[in-house]
Amino acid sequence: MITKKQDSNLEKLFKFYATQHSTQEVSKLSFDELKEVSNSLTQSDFMKLCDDFKMPISRDDLLEIFRVKALRSKTKIHNKLDLEGFKDTL
């Protein structure tokens, strides 16, 4: 069971990695697309997070976990994780 404090920290962690995009990528997006992008993790965002935290899982397994959870994610953009999908990966 995740406490409110842990949930809050997971949300902050998610937001930090979800907003780490280059200015070139962001400058070409509409406001709606920008909102969607900043509320989702790409595969590379997810892999960076896993690498930063030295997750003891093989790269192939992490990619498979991401792929499965991204398919179930409620984001409008394919191959991205929303906050709930991110929590499910844990």
C-alpha atoms as a PDB file:
ATOM      1  CA  MET A   1       0.000   0.000   0.000  1.00  0.00           C
ATOM      2  CA  ILE A   2       1.328   3.429  -0.957  1.00  0.00           C
ATOM      3  CA  THR A   3       0.990   6.226   1.606  1.00  0.00           C
ATOM      4  CA  LYS A   4      -0.136   9.729   0.643  1.00  0.00           C
ATOM      5  CA  LYS A   5       3.430  10.976   1.122  1.00  0.00           C
ATOM      6  CA  GLN A   6       4.826   8.251  -1.148  1.00  0.00           C
ATOM      7  CA  ASP A   7       2.117   8.954  -3.711  1.00  0.00           C
ATOM      8  CA  SER A   8       2.981  12.650  -3.652  1.00  0.00           C
ATOM      9  CA  ASN A   9       6.679  11.861  -4.112  1.00  0.00           C
ATOM     10  CA  LEU A  10       5.937   9.514  -7.021  1.00  0.00           C
ATOM     11  CA  GLU A  11       3.888  12.247  -8.681  1.00  0.00           C
ATOM     12  CA  LYS A  12       6.763  14.741  -8.272  1.00  0.00           C
ATOM     13  CA  LEU A  13       9.216  12.223  -9.710  1.00  0.00           C
ATOM     14  CA  PHE A  14       6.877  11.525 -12.637  1.00  0.00           C
ATOM     15  CA  LYS A  15       6.400  15.251 -13.344  1.00  0.00           C
ATOM     16  CA  PHE A  16      10.145  15.881 -13.237  1.00  0.00           C
ATOM     17  CA  TYR A  17      10.922  13.216 -15.848  1.00  0.00           C
ATOM     18  CA  ALA A  18       7.807  13.988 -17.925  1.00  0.00           C
ATOM     19  CA  THR A  19       8.866  17.607 -18.368  1.00  0.00           C
ATOM     20  CA  GLN A  20      12.475  16.954 -19.417  1.00  0.00           C
ATOM     21  CA  HIS A  21      12.053  17.662 -23.128  1.00  0.00           C
ATOM     22  CA  SER A  22      14.211  19.722 -25.425  1.00  0.00           C
ATOM     23  CA  THR A  23      13.033  23.214 -26.340  1.00  0.00           C
ATOM     24  CA  GLN A  24      13.061  22.285 -30.023  1.00  0.00           C
ATOM     25  CA  GLU A  25      10.559  19.467 -29.413  1.00  0.00           C
ATOM     26  CA  VAL A  26       8.314  21.667 -27.281  1.00  0.00           C
ATOM     27  CA  SER A  27       8.373  24.746 -29.517  1.00  0.00           C
ATOM     28  CA  LYS A  28       6.562  22.870 -32.308  1.00  0.00           C
ATOM     29  CA  LEU A  29       3.629  21.762 -30.146  1.00  0.00           C
ATOM     30  CA  SER A  30       0.199  23.291 -29.638  1.00  0.00           C
ATOM     31  CA  PHE A  31      -0.915  24.063 -26.077  1.00  0.00           C
ATOM     32  CA  ASP A  32      -3.034  20.898 -25.967  1.00  0.00           C
ATOM     33  CA  GLU A  33      -0.145  18.769 -27.227  1.00  0.00           C
ATOM     34  CA  LEU A  34       2.208  20.422 -24.753  1.00  0.00           C
ATOM     35  CA  LYS A  35      -0.146  19.595 -21.893  1.00  0.00           C
ATOM     36  CA  GLU A  36      -0.361  15.976 -23.058  1.00  0.00           C
ATOM     37  CA  VAL A  37       3.414  15.657 -23.436  1.00  0.00           C
ATOM     38  CA  SER A  38       4.125  17.150 -20.018  1.00  0.00           C
ATOM     39  CA  ASN A  39       1.702  14.692 -18.414  1.00  0.00           C
ATOM     40  CA  SER A  40       3.216  11.554 -19.903  1.00  0.00           C
ATOM     41  CA  LEU A  41       6.494   9.669 -20.016  1.00  0.00           C
ATOM     42  CA  THR A  42       8.090   8.608 -23.272  1.00  0.00           C
ATOM     43  CA  GLN A  43      10.061   5.401 -23.493  1.00  0.00           C
ATOM     44  CA  SER A  44      13.314   7.349 -23.300  1.00  0.00           C
ATOM     45  CA  ASP A  45      12.036   9.293 -20.229  1.00  0.00           C
ATOM     46  CA  PHE A  46      11.177   5.998 -18.552  1.00  0.00           C
ATOM     47  CA  MET A  47      14.519   4.406 -19.418  1.00  0.00           C
ATOM     48  CA  LYS A  48      16.385   7.490 -18.148  1.00  0.00           C
ATOM     49  CA  LEU A  49      14.506   7.296 -14.850  1.00  0.00           C
ATOM     50  CA  CYS A  50      15.283   3.571 -14.528  1.00  0.00           C
ATOM     51  CA  ASP A  51      18.930   4.190 -15.355  1.00  0.00           C
ATOM     52  CA  ASP A  52      19.179   7.090 -12.875  1.00  0.00           C
ATOM     53  CA  PHE A  53      17.767   4.905 -10.111  1.00  0.00           C
ATOM     54  CA  LYS A  54      19.835   1.871 -11.150  1.00  0.00           C
ATOM     55  CA  MET A  55      16.848  -0.435 -11.465  1.00  0.00           C
ATOM     56  CA  PRO A  56      18.029  -4.039 -11.099  1.00  0.00           C
ATOM     57  CA  ILE A  57      16.052  -5.222 -14.120  1.00  0.00           C
ATOM     58  CA  SER A  58      17.369  -5.978 -17.582  1.00  0.00           C
ATOM     59  CA  ARG A  59      16.935  -3.349 -20.268  1.00  0.00           C
ATOM     60  CA  ASP A  60      14.832  -5.755 -22.341  1.00  0.00           C
ATOM     61  CA  ASP A  61      12.500  -6.405 -19.408  1.00  0.00           C
ATOM     62  CA  LEU A  62      12.159  -2.675 -18.711  1.00  0.00           C
ATOM     63  CA  LEU A  63      11.287  -2.036 -22.359  1.00  0.00           C
ATOM     64  CA  GLU A  64       8.675  -4.807 -22.265  1.00  0.00           C
ATOM     65  CA  ILE A  65       7.165  -3.423 -19.048  1.00  0.00           C
ATOM     66  CA  PHE A  66       6.976   0.022 -20.630  1.00  0.00           C
ATOM     67  CA  ARG A  67       5.431  -1.329 -23.833  1.00  0.00           C
ATOM     68  CA  VAL A  68       2.703  -3.267 -22.003  1.00  0.00           C
ATOM     69  CA  LYS A  69       1.838  -0.424 -19.626  1.00  0.00           C
ATOM     70  CA  ALA A  70       1.906   2.202 -22.403  1.00  0.00           C
ATOM     71  CA  LEU A  71      -0.647   0.199 -24.376  1.00  0.00           C
ATOM     72  CA  ARG A  72      -2.981   0.378 -21.362  1.00  0.00           C
ATOM     73  CA  SER A  73      -2.268   4.039 -20.678  1.00  0.00           C
ATOM     74  CA  LYS A  74      -5.010   6.611 -21.179  1.00  0.00           C
ATOM     75  CA  THR A  75      -2.799   9.112 -22.996  1.00  0.00           C
ATOM     76  CA  LYS A  76      -3.911  10.295 -26.402  1.00  0.00           C
ATOM     77  CA  ILE A  77      -0.371   9.924 -27.701  1.00  0.00           C
ATOM     78  CA  HIS A  78       0.682   6.331 -28.308  1.00  0.00           C
ATOM     79  CA  ASN A  79       3.724   4.831 -26.601  1.00  0.00           C
ATOM     80  CA  LYS A  80       3.536   7.086 -23.560  1.00  0.00           C
ATOM     81  CA  LEU A  81       2.786   6.433 -19.902  1.00  0.00           C
ATOM     82  CA  ASP A  82       0.411   8.558 -17.872  1.00  0.00           C
ATOM     83  CA  LEU A  83       0.850   8.882 -14.102  1.00  0.00           C
ATOM     84  CA  GLU A  84      -1.304   5.843 -13.331  1.00  0.00           C
ATOM     85  CA  GLY A  85       0.560   3.748 -15.899  1.00  0.00           C
ATOM     86  CA  PHE A  86       3.825   4.851 -14.315  1.00  0.00           C
ATOM     87  CA  LYS A  87       2.619   3.807 -10.864  1.00  0.00           C
ATOM     88  CA  ASP A  88       1.550   0.442 -12.288  1.00  0.00           C
ATOM     89  CA  THR A  89       5.084  -0.209 -13.532  1.00  0.00           C
ATOM     90  CA  LEU A  90       6.302  -0.118  -9.942  1.00  0.00           C
END
